[in-house]
Amino acid sequence: MKFARVKNEPALLLKYVKQGARIIDVGCGEGALVKFLVNSGFKAYGVDRKPVIKKSLKKSENRKLTGRLFSGRAEKIPFNDNTFDYAVYFASFHHIEPSRMLKALKESKRALRKNGKVIIVEPCPVKGHYYELLRLVNDEKRIQIAAYSLIRKFHQGYFRDFSEKYFYMNRTSEDYNALLEKYVKLKADRIRLMSIAGRKIKSRRYPDIMKSTVRVIVLSN
């Protein structure tokens, strides 16, 4: 398994989408990727749970996303058939309930134009890499592997082609600290985890520990 280097998440996605395309970000969170795409000249929209979208649109810096972010679910995208060139799942597919993953793929296919593509970017947990730090906060390896297996199983009969490639992005201690700030509530726990992470980062045992590895799956309509 070989990993090619990319600068960051937006740079990775730009390898796969054509300029000016219509894109739906499924599981968009507060819309950071949608904002980037809109500012880059794409016709981009996002869908996520109502509380997430509501919280995002309340922020002054996200006012431009009004009319871009919509409440919905992966298995019920609030757009007409044949609307998008790309449906993107950026580290979100494994958060779908396994029993709903096939419905999500079918729904993406419905919303895509002819020759459209589903782009699924998923963490690829590799021993000795950034996964060693992520697992301290939330070890999602099991569900990520299960999601990948279900994609491999379900795509047949619904999509014309399946392809996958592997990439890595270099992370920093600041990136990890920001992750802790987002997901760990107690300051004492954040300090403890940062201390453990610091020892791992300095250890010669993990020379690749700051390489965050991902798998990119493309399903062609």
Protein backbone atom coordinates (compact mmCIF):
# COMPACT_ATOMS: atom_id res chain seq x y z
CA MET A 1 0.00 0.00 0.00
CA LYS A 2 1.69 3.22 -1.22
CA PHE A 3 0.65 6.69 -0.11
CA ALA A 4 1.14 9.82 -2.23
CA ARG A 5 1.62 13.11 -0.43
CA VAL A 6 -0.91 15.95 -0.65
CA LYS A 7 -0.79 19.33 1.07
CA ASN A 8 -4.21 19.26 2.73
CA GLU A 9 -7.83 18.11 2.35
CA PRO A 10 -8.91 20.76 -0.20
CA ALA A 11 -5.84 20.03 -2.35
CA LEU A 12 -6.76 16.35 -2.28
CA LEU A 13 -10.32 16.97 -3.44
CA LEU A 14 -9.19 19.29 -6.24
CA LYS A 15 -7.39 16.31 -7.77
CA TYR A 16 -10.78 14.74 -8.47
CA VAL A 17 -13.24 17.48 -9.42
CA LYS A 18 -13.52 19.59 -12.56
CA GLN A 19 -13.58 23.36 -12.27
CA GLY A 20 -17.07 24.85 -12.02
CA ALA A 21 -18.76 21.51 -11.25
CA ARG A 22 -21.88 21.12 -9.11
CA ILE A 23 -20.93 19.35 -5.88
CA ILE A 24 -22.90 18.11 -2.88
CA ASP A 25 -20.93 17.56 0.33
CA VAL A 26 -22.79 14.86 2.24
CA GLY A 27 -22.15 15.14 5.97
CA CYS A 28 -20.78 18.63 5.49
CA GLY A 29 -20.58 19.57 9.18
CA GLU A 30 -20.49 23.34 9.54
CA GLY A 31 -19.64 23.79 5.87
CA ALA A 32 -15.90 24.47 5.80
CA LEU A 33 -15.40 22.43 2.62
CA VAL A 34 -18.48 23.97 0.96
CA LYS A 35 -17.13 27.45 1.72
CA PHE A 36 -13.76 26.55 0.20
CA LEU A 37 -15.38 25.14 -2.93
CA VAL A 38 -17.67 28.14 -3.41
CA ASN A 39 -14.72 30.51 -3.02
CA SER A 40 -12.85 28.39 -5.58
CA GLY A 41 -15.55 28.79 -8.23
CA PHE A 42 -17.59 25.61 -7.71
CA LYS A 43 -21.37 25.36 -7.41
CA ALA A 44 -21.18 23.65 -4.02
CA TYR A 45 -23.82 22.69 -1.50
CA GLY A 46 -23.84 20.76 1.76
CA VAL A 47 -26.25 18.56 3.67
CA ASP A 48 -26.15 17.46 7.31
CA ARG A 49 -28.40 17.04 10.33
CA LYS A 50 -30.62 20.02 11.17
CA PRO A 51 -28.87 20.95 14.48
CA VAL A 52 -25.48 21.03 12.72
CA ILE A 53 -26.73 23.24 9.88
CA LYS A 54 -28.61 25.54 12.23
CA LYS A 55 -25.52 26.04 14.39
CA SER A 56 -23.37 26.79 11.37
CA LEU A 57 -25.69 29.38 9.84
CA LYS A 58 -25.86 31.28 13.13
CA LYS A 59 -22.17 32.14 12.83
CA SER A 60 -21.49 35.49 11.21
CA GLU A 61 -18.60 34.11 9.15
CA ASN A 62 -20.98 31.58 7.55
CA ARG A 63 -23.66 34.02 6.36
CA LYS A 64 -22.56 33.49 2.77
CA LEU A 65 -23.51 29.83 3.15
CA THR A 66 -27.21 30.64 3.44
CA GLY A 67 -28.83 28.82 0.52
CA ARG A 68 -25.84 26.48 0.36
CA LEU A 69 -26.33 24.33 3.47
CA PHE A 70 -29.42 22.17 3.88
CA SER A 71 -30.86 19.89 6.53
CA GLY A 72 -31.09 16.27 5.49
CA ARG A 73 -29.54 12.83 5.66
CA ALA A 74 -27.22 10.82 3.46
CA GLU A 75 -30.13 8.55 2.56
CA LYS A 76 -32.47 11.51 1.86
CA ILE A 77 -30.63 14.30 0.02
CA PRO A 78 -32.99 17.29 -0.41
CA PHE A 79 -32.31 17.82 -4.12
CA ASN A 80 -33.87 16.63 -7.37
CA ASP A 81 -32.62 13.77 -9.52
CA ASN A 82 -29.67 14.41 -11.83
CA THR A 83 -28.53 17.56 -10.00
CA PHE A 84 -24.83 17.08 -9.23
CA ASP A 85 -21.60 16.18 -10.96
CA TYR A 86 -20.06 14.93 -7.71
CA ALA A 87 -21.33 13.68 -4.36
CA VAL A 88 -18.57 13.94 -1.78
CA TYR A 89 -18.26 12.15 1.56
CA PHE A 90 -15.26 13.65 3.33
CA ALA A 91 -14.54 11.48 6.39
CA SER A 92 -18.28 11.16 6.88
CA PHE A 93 -19.34 7.87 5.29
CA HIS A 94 -18.28 5.72 8.25
CA HIS A 95 -20.59 7.79 10.48
CA ILE A 96 -23.65 6.50 8.63
CA GLU A 97 -25.44 3.61 10.31
CA PRO A 98 -24.32 0.41 8.50
CA SER A 99 -27.94 -0.51 7.83
CA ARG A 100 -28.35 2.78 5.93
CA MET A 101 -25.14 2.76 3.90
CA LEU A 102 -26.64 1.10 0.85
CA LYS A 103 -29.53 3.59 0.90
CA ALA A 104 -26.98 6.41 1.08
CA LEU A 105 -25.14 5.13 -2.00
CA LYS A 106 -28.42 4.72 -3.90
CA GLU A 107 -29.43 8.25 -2.92
CA SER A 108 -26.13 9.65 -4.11
CA LYS A 109 -26.62 7.87 -7.43
CA ARG A 110 -30.11 9.37 -7.74
CA ALA A 111 -28.82 12.91 -7.19
CA LEU A 112 -25.96 12.51 -9.69
CA ARG A 113 -26.03 13.45 -13.34
CA LYS A 114 -25.06 10.94 -16.00
CA ASN A 115 -21.35 10.14 -15.65
CA GLY A 116 -21.32 11.78 -12.22
CA LYS A 117 -19.11 10.41 -9.46
CA VAL A 118 -19.27 9.65 -5.77
CA ILE A 119 -16.00 10.57 -4.05
CA ILE A 120 -15.53 8.95 -0.65
CA VAL A 121 -12.53 10.09 1.40
CA GLU A 122 -12.07 7.92 4.46
CA PRO A 123 -9.37 7.72 7.12
CA CYS A 124 -7.11 4.76 6.48
CA PRO A 125 -5.83 3.60 9.88
CA VAL A 126 -2.21 2.51 9.53
CA LYS A 127 -0.12 1.37 12.47
CA GLY A 128 2.71 3.77 13.25
CA HIS A 129 1.08 6.72 11.47
CA TYR A 130 -1.23 9.51 12.72
CA TYR A 131 -3.75 6.85 13.66
CA GLU A 132 -1.59 6.22 16.76
CA LEU A 133 -2.61 9.68 17.99
CA LEU A 134 -6.19 9.61 16.76
CA ARG A 135 -6.91 6.39 18.61
CA LEU A 136 -6.09 8.14 21.89
CA VAL A 137 -9.14 10.33 21.35
CA ASN A 138 -11.52 8.04 19.46
CA ASP A 139 -10.52 4.76 17.87
CA GLU A 140 -12.81 4.37 14.85
CA LYS A 141 -10.72 1.74 13.09
CA ARG A 142 -13.33 -1.00 13.35
CA ILE A 143 -16.19 1.04 11.89
CA GLN A 144 -13.92 2.52 9.19
CA ILE A 145 -12.91 -0.95 8.04
CA ALA A 146 -16.55 -2.08 8.16
CA ALA A 147 -17.62 0.93 6.05
CA TYR A 148 -14.95 0.16 3.47
CA SER A 149 -16.09 -3.45 3.26
CA LEU A 150 -19.69 -2.40 2.78
CA ILE A 151 -18.75 0.06 0.01
CA ARG A 152 -16.85 -2.72 -1.79
CA LYS A 153 -19.86 -4.99 -1.40
CA PHE A 154 -22.67 -2.55 -2.22
CA HIS A 155 -21.26 -0.64 -5.19
CA GLN A 156 -21.64 -3.59 -7.54
CA GLY A 157 -24.84 -3.35 -9.56
CA TYR A 158 -25.26 0.36 -8.86
CA PHE A 159 -22.10 2.02 -10.18
CA ARG A 160 -20.18 1.49 -13.37
CA ASP A 161 -16.64 1.71 -12.01
CA PHE A 162 -14.80 1.48 -8.68
CA SER A 163 -11.32 2.86 -8.04
CA GLU A 164 -9.25 3.73 -4.99
CA LYS A 165 -6.00 5.50 -4.19
CA TYR A 166 -4.09 6.32 -1.01
CA PHE A 167 -2.71 9.64 0.21
CA TYR A 168 -1.16 11.20 3.29
CA MET A 169 -1.02 14.71 4.74
CA ASN A 170 1.57 15.91 7.22
CA ARG A 171 0.07 16.98 10.53
CA THR A 172 1.53 19.16 13.29
CA SER A 173 1.29 19.24 17.06
CA GLU A 174 -0.97 22.28 16.62
CA ASP A 175 -3.33 20.20 14.47
CA TYR A 176 -3.53 17.57 17.18
CA ASN A 177 -4.09 20.16 19.89
CA ALA A 178 -6.97 21.61 17.83
CA LEU A 179 -8.43 18.10 17.57
CA LEU A 180 -8.30 17.73 21.35
CA GLU A 181 -9.94 21.13 21.82
CA LYS A 182 -12.79 20.03 19.58
CA TYR A 183 -13.45 16.55 20.95
CA VAL A 184 -12.18 16.42 24.55
CA LYS A 185 -14.20 18.52 26.99
CA LEU A 186 -12.07 18.46 30.14
CA LYS A 187 -8.87 20.49 30.17
CA ALA A 188 -7.17 17.93 32.42
CA ASP A 189 -7.89 15.18 29.89
CA ARG A 190 -6.55 17.32 27.05
CA ILE A 191 -3.33 17.96 28.95
CA ARG A 192 -2.95 14.25 29.71
CA LEU A 193 -3.53 13.19 26.10
CA MET A 194 -1.21 15.88 24.74
CA SER A 195 1.51 14.63 27.08
CA ILE A 196 1.08 11.05 25.82
CA ALA A 197 1.03 12.26 22.23
CA GLY A 198 4.17 14.33 22.80
CA ARG A 199 6.10 11.26 23.95
CA LYS A 200 4.94 9.28 20.92
CA ILE A 201 5.88 12.10 18.55
CA LYS A 202 9.39 12.30 19.99
CA SER A 203 9.86 8.54 20.01
CA ARG A 204 12.04 7.01 17.28
CA ARG A 205 9.59 4.14 17.26
CA TYR A 206 7.11 6.20 15.20
CA PRO A 207 8.99 8.08 12.44
CA ASP A 208 5.79 8.46 10.38
CA ILE A 209 3.45 9.36 13.22
CA MET A 210 2.56 12.78 11.80
CA LYS A 211 1.45 11.32 8.46
CA SER A 212 -2.34 11.28 8.33
CA THR A 213 -3.35 8.55 5.88
CA VAL A 214 -6.57 8.45 3.84
CA ARG A 215 -8.20 6.27 1.23
CA VAL A 216 -10.05 7.88 -1.71
CA ILE A 217 -12.75 5.78 -3.34
CA VAL A 218 -14.39 6.91 -6.58
CA LEU A 219 -17.66 5.35 -7.78
CA SER A 220 -18.61 6.31 -11.33
CA ASN A 221 -22.27 6.60 -12.27
